C-alpha atoms as a PDB file:
ATOM      1  CA  MET A   1       0.000   0.000   0.000  1.00  0.00           C
ATOM      2  CA  ASP A   2       1.209   3.492  -0.753  1.00  0.00           C
ATOM      3  CA  PRO A   3       2.828   4.800   2.474  1.00  0.00           C
ATOM      4  CA  ALA A   4       1.161   8.227   2.164  1.00  0.00           C
ATOM      5  CA  LEU A   5      -2.254   6.622   1.710  1.00  0.00           C
ATOM      6  CA  LYS A   6      -1.717   4.281   4.666  1.00  0.00           C
ATOM      7  CA  ALA A   7      -0.567   7.163   6.884  1.00  0.00           C
ATOM      8  CA  ALA A   8      -3.592   9.270   5.887  1.00  0.00           C
ATOM      9  CA  ILE A   9      -5.950   6.393   6.738  1.00  0.00           C
ATOM     10  CA  ALA A  10      -4.239   5.789  10.096  1.00  0.00           C
ATOM     11  CA  SER A  11      -4.359   9.479  11.040  1.00  0.00           C
ATOM     12  CA  ASP A  12      -7.857  10.120   9.572  1.00  0.00           C
ATOM     13  CA  LYS A  13      -6.548  13.105   7.573  1.00  0.00           C
ATOM     14  CA  LEU A  14      -8.817  13.628   4.572  1.00  0.00           C
ATOM     15  CA  ASP A  15      -6.618  16.264   2.887  1.00  0.00           C
ATOM     16  CA  ALA A  16      -3.553  13.989   3.021  1.00  0.00           C
ATOM     17  CA  PHE A  17      -5.692  11.125   1.708  1.00  0.00           C
ATOM     18  CA  LYS A  18      -6.920  13.179  -1.264  1.00  0.00           C
ATOM     19  CA  ALA A  19      -3.354  14.328  -1.981  1.00  0.00           C
ATOM     20  CA  ALA A  20      -2.081  10.734  -1.974  1.00  0.00           C
ATOM     21  CA  LEU A  21      -4.756   9.702  -4.495  1.00  0.00           C
ATOM     22  CA  GLN A  22      -4.050  12.746  -6.675  1.00  0.00           C
ATOM     23  CA  ASN A  23      -0.326  11.927  -6.591  1.00  0.00           C
ATOM     24  CA  GLY A  24      -1.010   8.510  -8.098  1.00  0.00           C
ATOM     25  CA  ALA A  25      -1.539   6.158  -5.153  1.00  0.00           C
ATOM     26  CA  ASP A  26      -3.119   2.931  -6.435  1.00  0.00           C
ATOM     27  CA  PRO A  27      -6.487   2.460  -4.662  1.00  0.00           C
ATOM     28  CA  ASN A  28      -6.222  -1.338  -5.141  1.00  0.00           C
ATOM     29  CA  GLN A  29      -2.627  -1.860  -4.011  1.00  0.00           C
ATOM     30  CA  GLY A  30      -2.530  -3.397  -0.578  1.00  0.00           C
ATOM     31  CA  ASP A  31       0.146  -4.194   1.930  1.00  0.00           C
ATOM     32  CA  GLU A  32       0.855  -7.691   3.225  1.00  0.00           C
ATOM     33  CA  ASN A  33      -2.775  -8.271   4.232  1.00  0.00           C
ATOM     34  CA  TYR A  34      -5.157  -5.456   3.340  1.00  0.00           C
ATOM     35  CA  THR A  35      -6.211  -3.192   0.503  1.00  0.00           C
ATOM     36  CA  PRO A  36      -7.135   0.381   1.455  1.00  0.00           C
ATOM     37  CA  LEU A  37     -10.855  -0.538   1.213  1.00  0.00           C
ATOM     38  CA  THR A  38     -10.575  -3.591   3.462  1.00  0.00           C
ATOM     39  CA  MET A  39      -8.478  -1.598   5.919  1.00  0.00           C
ATOM     40  CA  LEU A  40     -11.137   1.118   6.174  1.00  0.00           C
ATOM     41  CA  ALA A  41     -14.076  -1.317   6.220  1.00  0.00           C
ATOM     42  CA  GLU A  42     -12.540  -3.504   8.920  1.00  0.00           C
ATOM     43  CA  GLU A  43     -11.861  -0.709  11.393  1.00  0.00           C
ATOM     44  CA  THR A  44     -14.392   1.402  13.206  1.00  0.00           C
ATOM     45  CA  PRO A  45     -15.019   4.179  10.687  1.00  0.00           C
ATOM     46  CA  GLU A  46     -13.435   7.369  11.932  1.00  0.00           C
ATOM     47  CA  GLU A  47     -14.886  10.781  11.145  1.00  0.00           C
ATOM     48  CA  ASN A  48     -13.477  10.819   7.603  1.00  0.00           C
ATOM     49  CA  GLY A  49     -13.523   7.057   6.991  1.00  0.00           C
ATOM     50  CA  VAL A  50     -16.792   7.052   5.066  1.00  0.00           C
ATOM     51  CA  LYS A  51     -15.575   9.904   2.832  1.00  0.00           C
ATOM     52  CA  MET A  52     -12.303   8.034   2.245  1.00  0.00           C
ATOM     53  CA  ILE A  53     -14.182   4.915   1.130  1.00  0.00           C
ATOM     54  CA  ASP A  54     -16.262   7.022  -1.240  1.00  0.00           C
ATOM     55  CA  LEU A  55     -13.099   8.622  -2.685  1.00  0.00           C
ATOM     56  CA  LEU A  56     -11.444   5.217  -3.115  1.00  0.00           C
ATOM     57  CA  LEU A  57     -14.465   3.900  -5.015  1.00  0.00           C
ATOM     58  CA  GLN A  58     -14.497   7.009  -7.205  1.00  0.00           C
ATOM     59  CA  ALA A  59     -10.771   6.476  -7.878  1.00  0.00           C
ATOM     60  CA  GLY A  60     -11.492   2.954  -9.145  1.00  0.00           C
ATOM     61  CA  ALA A  61     -10.962   0.802  -6.061  1.00  0.00           C
ATOM     62  CA  ASN A  62     -12.223  -2.739  -6.558  1.00  0.00           C
ATOM     63  CA  ALA A  63     -14.747  -3.631  -3.853  1.00  0.00           C
ATOM     64  CA  ASN A  64     -14.458  -7.306  -4.800  1.00  0.00           C
ATOM     65  CA  LEU A  65     -10.791  -7.768  -3.833  1.00  0.00           C
ATOM     66  CA  LYS A  66     -10.331 -10.053  -0.838  1.00  0.00           C
ATOM     67  CA  ASP A  67      -7.663  -9.479   1.752  1.00  0.00           C
ATOM     68  CA  SER A  68      -4.877 -12.015   2.145  1.00  0.00           C
ATOM     69  CA  SER A  69      -5.527 -12.982   5.761  1.00  0.00           C
ATOM     70  CA  ASP A  70      -6.132 -16.559   6.944  1.00  0.00           C
ATOM     71  CA  ASP A  71      -9.873 -16.054   6.396  1.00  0.00           C
ATOM     72  CA  PRO A  72     -10.078 -13.811   3.286  1.00  0.00           C
ATOM     73  CA  LYS A  73     -12.935 -11.316   3.213  1.00  0.00           C
ATOM     74  CA  ILE A  74     -14.135  -8.569   0.897  1.00  0.00           C
ATOM     75  CA  PRO A  75     -14.698  -5.037   2.282  1.00  0.00           C
ATOM     76  CA  LEU A  76     -18.494  -5.521   2.366  1.00  0.00           C
ATOM     77  CA  GLU A  77     -18.110  -8.507   4.673  1.00  0.00           C
ATOM     78  CA  TYR A  78     -15.955  -6.514   7.085  1.00  0.00           C
ATOM     79  CA  ALA A  79     -18.542  -3.721   7.078  1.00  0.00           C
ATOM     80  CA  VAL A  80     -21.363  -6.190   7.848  1.00  0.00           C
ATOM     81  CA  ILE A  81     -19.322  -7.645  10.721  1.00  0.00           C
ATOM     82  CA  GLN A  82     -18.738  -4.125  12.102  1.00  0.00           C
ATOM     83  CA  LEU A  83     -22.420  -3.190  11.874  1.00  0.00           C
ATOM     84  CA  ARG A  84     -23.569  -6.366  13.589  1.00  0.00           C
ATOM     85  CA  MET A  85     -20.961  -5.986  16.316  1.00  0.00           C
ATOM     86  CA  PHE A  86     -22.070  -2.390  16.959  1.00  0.00           C
ATOM     87  CA  LYS A  87     -25.722  -3.417  17.118  1.00  0.00           C
ATOM     88  CA  ARG A  88     -24.980  -6.348  19.419  1.00  0.00           C
ATOM     89  CA  GLN A  89     -22.929  -4.168  21.767  1.00  0.00           C
ATOM     90  CA  LYS A  90     -25.462  -1.341  21.579  1.00  0.00           C
ATOM     91  CA  ALA A  91     -22.678   0.980  20.451  1.00  0.00           C
ATOM     92  CA  LEU A  92     -23.032   4.693  19.937  1.00  0.00           C
ATOM     93  CA  GLU A  93     -25.605   5.632  17.324  1.00  0.00           C
ATOM     94  CA  LYS A  94     -22.966   7.482  15.271  1.00  0.00           C
ATOM     95  CA  ASP A  95     -20.883   4.282  14.950  1.00  0.00           C
ATOM     96  CA  VAL A  96     -23.898   2.256  13.846  1.00  0.00           C
ATOM     97  CA  LYS A  97     -24.786   4.993  11.354  1.00  0.00           C
ATOM     98  CA  ARG A  98     -21.251   5.129   9.932  1.00  0.00           C
ATOM     99  CA  ALA A  99     -21.103   1.349   9.550  1.00  0.00           C
ATOM    100  CA  GLY A 100     -24.429   1.489   7.700  1.00  0.00           C
ATOM    101  CA  GLU A 101     -23.078   4.244   5.442  1.00  0.00           C
ATOM    102  CA  VAL A 102     -20.026   2.116   4.646  1.00  0.00           C
ATOM    103  CA  ILE A 103     -22.291  -0.780   3.640  1.00  0.00           C
ATOM    104  CA  GLY A 104     -24.385   1.646   1.598  1.00  0.00           C
ATOM    105  CA  LEU A 105     -21.272   2.643  -0.384  1.00  0.00           C
ATOM    106  CA  LEU A 106     -19.816  -0.858  -0.769  1.00  0.00           C
ATOM    107  CA  TYR A 107     -23.015  -2.748  -1.604  1.00  0.00           C
ATOM    108  CA  PRO A 108     -23.583  -1.227  -5.091  1.00  0.00           C
ATOM    109  CA  ALA A 109     -19.861  -1.571  -5.921  1.00  0.00           C
ATOM    110  CA  THR A 110     -19.744  -5.282  -5.061  1.00  0.00           C
ATOM    111  CA  ASN A 111     -20.576  -7.914  -7.674  1.00  0.00           C
ATOM    112  CA  ASP A 112     -23.633 -10.148  -7.319  1.00  0.00           C
ATOM    113  CA  ALA A 113     -21.660 -13.345  -6.621  1.00  0.00           C
ATOM    114  CA  ASN A 114     -19.840 -11.745  -3.683  1.00  0.00           C
ATOM    115  CA  ILE A 115     -23.030 -10.173  -2.343  1.00  0.00           C
ATOM    116  CA  GLU A 116     -24.747 -13.547  -2.479  1.00  0.00           C
ATOM    117  CA  ALA A 117     -21.806 -15.216  -0.694  1.00  0.00           C
ATOM    118  CA  VAL A 118     -21.870 -12.612   2.098  1.00  0.00           C
ATOM    119  CA  GLN A 119     -25.655 -12.821   2.380  1.00  0.00           C
ATOM    120  CA  ASN A 120     -25.512 -16.615   2.632  1.00  0.00           C
ATOM    121  CA  LYS A 121     -22.792 -16.444   5.263  1.00  0.00           C
ATOM    122  CA  TYR A 122     -24.698 -13.855   7.320  1.00  0.00           C
ATOM    123  CA  ASN A 123     -28.257 -15.097   6.754  1.00  0.00           C
ATOM    124  CA  GLY A 124     -29.132 -12.804   3.845  1.00  0.00           C
ATOM    125  CA  VAL A 125     -29.894  -9.607   5.697  1.00  0.00           C
ATOM    126  CA  ILE A 126     -27.510  -7.005   4.275  1.00  0.00           C
ATOM    127  CA  PRO A 127     -29.949  -4.697   2.444  1.00  0.00           C
ATOM    128  CA  SER A 128     -32.707  -5.011   5.025  1.00  0.00           C
ATOM    129  CA  GLU A 129     -30.310  -4.067   7.837  1.00  0.00           C
ATOM    130  CA  ILE A 130     -29.668  -0.663   6.341  1.00  0.00           C
ATOM    131  CA  GLY A 131     -32.623  -0.239   3.972  1.00  0.00           C
ATOM    132  CA  ILE A 132     -30.806  -0.020   0.632  1.00  0.00           C
ATOM    133  CA  THR A 133     -31.547  -1.292  -2.835  1.00  0.00           C
ATOM    134  CA  ARG A 134     -29.046  -2.536  -5.406  1.00  0.00           C
ATOM    135  CA  ALA A 135     -28.787   1.009  -6.770  1.00  0.00           C
ATOM    136  CA  GLY A 136     -27.589   2.115  -3.353  1.00  0.00           C
ATOM    137  CA  LYS A 137     -30.593   4.302  -2.622  1.00  0.00           C
ATOM    138  CA  ARG A 138     -32.480   4.070   0.620  1.00  0.00           C
ATOM    139  CA  LYS A 139     -35.779   2.266   0.425  1.00  0.00           C
ATOM    140  CA  GLN A 140     -38.865   3.888   1.791  1.00  0.00           C
ATOM    141  CA  THR A 141     -41.080   1.418   3.532  1.00  0.00           C
ATOM    142  CA  ARG A 142     -44.783   1.755   4.016  1.00  0.00           C
ATOM    143  CA  LYS A 143     -44.133   2.274   7.696  1.00  0.00           C
ATOM    144  CA  THR A 144     -41.769   5.196   6.969  1.00  0.00           C
ATOM    145  CA  ASN A 145     -44.258   6.764   4.568  1.00  0.00           C
ATOM    146  CA  LYS A 146     -47.061   6.321   7.101  1.00  0.00           C
ATOM    147  CA  ARG A 147     -44.947   8.016   9.810  1.00  0.00           C
ATOM    148  CA  ARG A 148     -44.280  10.944   7.499  1.00  0.00           C
ATOM    149  CA  LYS A 149     -47.989  11.375   6.760  1.00  0.00           C
ATOM    150  CA  THR A 150     -48.841  11.176  10.466  1.00  0.00           C
ATOM    151  CA  THR A 151     -46.182  13.787  11.292  1.00  0.00           C
ATOM    152  CA  LYS A 152     -47.530  16.094   8.571  1.00  0.00           C
ATOM    153  CA  ARG A 153     -51.053  15.733   9.947  1.00  0.00           C
ATOM    154  CA  ARG A 154     -49.889  16.551  13.477  1.00  0.00           C
ATOM    155  CA  LYS A 155     -48.059  19.647  12.278  1.00  0.00           C
ATOM    156  CA  THR A 156     -51.151  20.744  10.349  1.00  0.00           C
ATOM    157  CA  LEU A 157     -53.373  20.206  13.395  1.00  0.00           C
ATOM    158  CA  LYS A 158     -51.015  22.225  15.606  1.00  0.00           C
ATOM    159  CA  LYS A 159     -51.493  25.242  13.355  1.00  0.00           C
ATOM    160  CA  PHE A 160     -55.206  25.373  14.178  1.00  0.00           C
END
């Protein structure tokens, strides 16, 4: 992995990260175990982590590359593990939200075969956990729409 890119990820410095990409850092080149995407997806997303993942994907990072650990995983799988761990531990809402955002970015960039493999391994609940479709857009459920209508009605009634 490009040393400048790795240092920017470790220090959560978005400007240094952008500069490393602009100076030609390969978004797919990893170190002995991880690519930049797997490194960011595996760790608790810091303040700029979600933006860094988005920039990597825009720069052509391959979301289907597995790491070279003993149990190889793609970035989406690491993100699912993080989200489930946060939910199980009742972590801070911001951490759960960031993990969901990471999945929202990685899901559309991951091929169908890898998505299916991750869904089978984790009981097929990736999109429903964060409410996304294959296009990466948030789904609106009937319940959400009903809540919005109820809120509008309440606001209207308060005016009178």
